[in-house]
Amino acid sequence: MLGSLRKVWPWKITLESITDRNGEMIPAVQHNTFPGFMTVGSLNSEVLIAIALAVAGFVIVILLERLAGSTDKRL
């Protein structure tokens, strides 16, 4: 899961891009960055949403693991 984080990381800077045959710009080289809330001193809504979704995902996985463990005991 940690390996896929590099691809799905939401904060990126596009360094190089190419134009496809339809004239749309496609990012060719992107660099992952850290959100700027550390330098600004306050959390923006994008970072708060990302943190909330990460915590919610963690809680859901833990609850599903406990639910699966409780059903295994009944079998």
N, C-alpha and C. Protein backbone atom coordinates (compact mmCIF):
# COMPACT_ATOMS: atom_id res chain seq x y z
N MET A 1 0.82 -1.19 0.00
CA MET A 1 0.00 0.00 0.00
C MET A 1 0.87 1.25 0.00
N LEU A 2 1.97 1.22 0.71
CA LEU A 2 2.83 2.39 0.73
C LEU A 2 3.45 2.67 -0.64
N GLY A 3 3.69 1.62 -1.41
CA GLY A 3 4.27 1.81 -2.73
C GLY A 3 3.33 2.52 -3.68
N SER A 4 2.03 2.30 -3.53
CA SER A 4 1.07 2.97 -4.41
C SER A 4 0.83 4.42 -4.01
N LEU A 5 1.24 4.80 -2.82
CA LEU A 5 1.03 6.17 -2.36
C LEU A 5 1.72 7.18 -3.28
N ARG A 6 2.83 6.80 -3.85
CA ARG A 6 3.56 7.70 -4.75
C ARG A 6 2.72 8.07 -5.97
N LYS A 7 1.94 7.13 -6.48
CA LYS A 7 1.12 7.39 -7.66
C LYS A 7 -0.16 8.15 -7.32
N VAL A 8 -0.78 7.85 -6.20
CA VAL A 8 -2.06 8.47 -5.86
C VAL A 8 -1.92 9.72 -4.99
N TRP A 9 -0.71 10.15 -4.71
CA TRP A 9 -0.47 11.34 -3.90
C TRP A 9 -1.14 12.54 -4.56
N PRO A 10 -1.99 13.27 -3.84
CA PRO A 10 -2.77 14.34 -4.48
C PRO A 10 -2.00 15.63 -4.77
N TRP A 11 -0.90 15.87 -4.07
CA TRP A 11 -0.19 17.13 -4.24
C TRP A 11 1.03 16.91 -5.12
N LYS A 12 0.94 17.38 -6.37
CA LYS A 12 2.02 17.19 -7.35
C LYS A 12 2.33 18.50 -8.05
N ILE A 13 3.56 18.61 -8.51
CA ILE A 13 3.98 19.71 -9.37
C ILE A 13 4.36 19.10 -10.70
N THR A 14 3.78 19.61 -11.79
CA THR A 14 4.10 19.11 -13.12
C THR A 14 5.36 19.81 -13.63
N LEU A 15 6.39 19.02 -13.91
CA LEU A 15 7.66 19.57 -14.40
C LEU A 15 7.72 19.59 -15.92
N GLU A 16 7.18 18.55 -16.56
CA GLU A 16 7.16 18.47 -18.01
C GLU A 16 5.81 17.93 -18.45
N SER A 17 5.34 18.39 -19.59
CA SER A 17 4.09 17.88 -20.12
C SER A 17 4.21 17.72 -21.63
N ILE A 18 3.33 16.89 -22.18
CA ILE A 18 3.30 16.68 -23.63
C ILE A 18 1.88 16.96 -24.12
N THR A 19 1.75 17.20 -25.40
CA THR A 19 0.45 17.45 -26.01
C THR A 19 0.05 16.22 -26.81
N ASP A 20 -1.14 15.69 -26.54
CA ASP A 20 -1.58 14.52 -27.29
C ASP A 20 -2.17 14.96 -28.63
N ARG A 21 -2.64 14.00 -29.41
CA ARG A 21 -3.13 14.31 -30.75
C ARG A 21 -4.41 15.14 -30.74
N ASN A 22 -5.12 15.19 -29.60
CA ASN A 22 -6.32 16.01 -29.48
C ASN A 22 -6.02 17.42 -28.99
N GLY A 23 -4.76 17.71 -28.74
CA GLY A 23 -4.36 19.03 -28.27
C GLY A 23 -4.44 19.22 -26.77
N GLU A 24 -4.67 18.14 -26.02
CA GLU A 24 -4.74 18.24 -24.57
C GLU A 24 -3.36 18.03 -23.96
N MET A 25 -3.08 18.80 -22.92
CA MET A 25 -1.80 18.69 -22.22
C MET A 25 -1.86 17.51 -21.24
N ILE A 26 -0.86 16.63 -21.32
CA ILE A 26 -0.77 15.47 -20.44
C ILE A 26 0.53 15.59 -19.65
N PRO A 27 0.46 15.49 -18.32
CA PRO A 27 1.69 15.57 -17.53
C PRO A 27 2.60 14.38 -17.83
N ALA A 28 3.86 14.67 -18.15
CA ALA A 28 4.83 13.61 -18.44
C ALA A 28 5.72 13.35 -17.23
N VAL A 29 6.16 14.40 -16.56
CA VAL A 29 7.01 14.27 -15.39
C VAL A 29 6.39 15.11 -14.27
N GLN A 30 6.09 14.44 -13.17
CA GLN A 30 5.53 15.12 -12.01
C GLN A 30 6.38 14.85 -10.78
N HIS A 31 6.39 15.82 -9.88
CA HIS A 31 7.14 15.69 -8.63
C HIS A 31 6.15 15.81 -7.48
N ASN A 32 6.16 14.83 -6.58
CA ASN A 32 5.29 14.88 -5.41
C ASN A 32 5.80 15.93 -4.44
N THR A 33 4.89 16.70 -3.89
CA THR A 33 5.25 17.73 -2.91
C THR A 33 4.45 17.50 -1.65
N PHE A 34 4.86 18.16 -0.61
CA PHE A 34 4.13 18.12 0.65
C PHE A 34 3.23 19.35 0.70
N PRO A 35 2.01 19.24 1.20
CA PRO A 35 1.13 20.42 1.23
C PRO A 35 1.74 21.52 2.06
N GLY A 36 1.44 22.75 1.72
CA GLY A 36 2.08 23.89 2.35
C GLY A 36 1.53 24.31 3.68
N PHE A 37 0.79 23.44 4.39
CA PHE A 37 0.24 23.87 5.66
C PHE A 37 1.30 24.04 6.73
N MET A 38 2.47 23.40 6.58
CA MET A 38 3.52 23.55 7.57
C MET A 38 4.14 24.94 7.50
N THR A 39 4.26 25.49 6.31
CA THR A 39 4.88 26.80 6.18
C THR A 39 3.89 27.92 6.44
N VAL A 40 2.64 27.73 6.08
CA VAL A 40 1.63 28.77 6.26
C VAL A 40 1.23 28.88 7.72
N GLY A 41 1.18 27.76 8.40
CA GLY A 41 0.84 27.77 9.81
C GLY A 41 -0.61 27.42 10.10
N SER A 42 -1.40 27.20 9.07
CA SER A 42 -2.79 26.80 9.28
C SER A 42 -3.15 25.72 8.26
N LEU A 43 -4.06 24.85 8.65
CA LEU A 43 -4.48 23.77 7.76
C LEU A 43 -5.53 24.29 6.78
N ASN A 44 -5.35 23.98 5.50
CA ASN A 44 -6.39 24.34 4.55
C ASN A 44 -7.38 23.20 4.44
N SER A 45 -8.50 23.42 3.78
CA SER A 45 -9.57 22.43 3.74
C SER A 45 -9.14 21.16 3.00
N GLU A 46 -8.29 21.28 1.99
CA GLU A 46 -7.84 20.11 1.23
C GLU A 46 -7.06 19.15 2.12
N VAL A 47 -6.19 19.68 2.96
CA VAL A 47 -5.40 18.85 3.86
C VAL A 47 -6.29 18.24 4.94
N LEU A 48 -7.23 19.02 5.46
CA LEU A 48 -8.14 18.48 6.48
C LEU A 48 -8.99 17.34 5.92
N ILE A 49 -9.46 17.47 4.70
CA ILE A 49 -10.24 16.41 4.08
C ILE A 49 -9.39 15.16 3.89
N ALA A 50 -8.16 15.34 3.44
CA ALA A 50 -7.27 14.19 3.24
C ALA A 50 -6.97 13.47 4.55
N ILE A 51 -6.74 14.22 5.61
CA ILE A 51 -6.47 13.62 6.92
C ILE A 51 -7.71 12.90 7.43
N ALA A 52 -8.88 13.53 7.28
CA ALA A 52 -10.12 12.90 7.74
C ALA A 52 -10.41 11.61 6.98
N LEU A 53 -10.18 11.59 5.67
CA LEU A 53 -10.40 10.37 4.89
C LEU A 53 -9.40 9.28 5.26
N ALA A 54 -8.17 9.66 5.54
CA ALA A 54 -7.17 8.67 5.95
C ALA A 54 -7.56 8.04 7.29
N VAL A 55 -8.00 8.86 8.23
CA VAL A 55 -8.42 8.34 9.54
C VAL A 55 -9.67 7.46 9.38
N ALA A 56 -10.61 7.90 8.55
CA ALA A 56 -11.82 7.11 8.32
C ALA A 56 -11.47 5.76 7.69
N GLY A 57 -10.57 5.75 6.74
CA GLY A 57 -10.15 4.50 6.12
C GLY A 57 -9.49 3.57 7.12
N PHE A 58 -8.67 4.12 7.99
CA PHE A 58 -8.01 3.32 9.03
C PHE A 58 -9.04 2.71 9.97
N VAL A 59 -10.00 3.51 10.38
CA VAL A 59 -11.03 3.02 11.30
C VAL A 59 -11.87 1.93 10.64
N ILE A 60 -12.22 2.11 9.37
CA ILE A 60 -13.01 1.10 8.66
C ILE A 60 -12.25 -0.22 8.56
N VAL A 61 -10.96 -0.15 8.26
CA VAL A 61 -10.16 -1.38 8.16
C VAL A 61 -10.10 -2.09 9.52
N ILE A 62 -9.89 -1.34 10.58
CA ILE A 62 -9.84 -1.94 11.92
C ILE A 62 -11.18 -2.58 12.28
N LEU A 63 -12.28 -1.88 11.99
CA LEU A 63 -13.61 -2.44 12.29
C LEU A 63 -13.88 -3.69 11.48
N LEU A 64 -13.51 -3.70 10.21
CA LEU A 64 -13.70 -4.89 9.38
C LEU A 64 -12.86 -6.06 9.88
N GLU A 65 -11.66 -5.80 10.32
CA GLU A 65 -10.81 -6.85 10.87
C GLU A 65 -11.43 -7.44 12.14
N ARG A 66 -11.95 -6.60 12.99
CA ARG A 66 -12.59 -7.10 14.22
C ARG A 66 -13.85 -7.87 13.91
N LEU A 67 -14.62 -7.38 12.93
CA LEU A 67 -15.83 -8.08 12.53
C LEU A 67 -15.49 -9.44 11.94
N ALA A 68 -14.46 -9.53 11.13
CA ALA A 68 -14.05 -10.80 10.55
C ALA A 68 -13.54 -11.74 11.64
N GLY A 69 -12.86 -11.22 12.62
CA GLY A 69 -12.37 -12.06 13.72
C GLY A 69 -13.51 -12.60 14.56
N SER A 70 -14.56 -11.81 14.76
CA SER A 70 -15.68 -12.27 15.58
C SER A 70 -16.52 -13.32 14.83
N THR A 71 -16.59 -13.25 13.51
CA THR A 71 -17.35 -14.24 12.76
C THR A 71 -16.59 -15.55 12.65
N ASP A 72 -15.25 -15.51 12.69
CA ASP A 72 -14.46 -16.73 12.63
C ASP A 72 -14.66 -17.58 13.88
N LYS A 73 -14.90 -16.99 15.02
CA LYS A 73 -15.08 -17.72 16.27
C LYS A 73 -16.37 -18.52 16.28
N ARG A 74 -17.40 -18.02 15.55
CA ARG A 74 -18.68 -18.71 15.52
C ARG A 74 -18.65 -19.95 14.63
N LEU A 75 -17.74 -20.01 13.69
CA LEU A 75 -17.68 -21.15 12.78
C LEU A 75 -17.01 -22.27 13.45
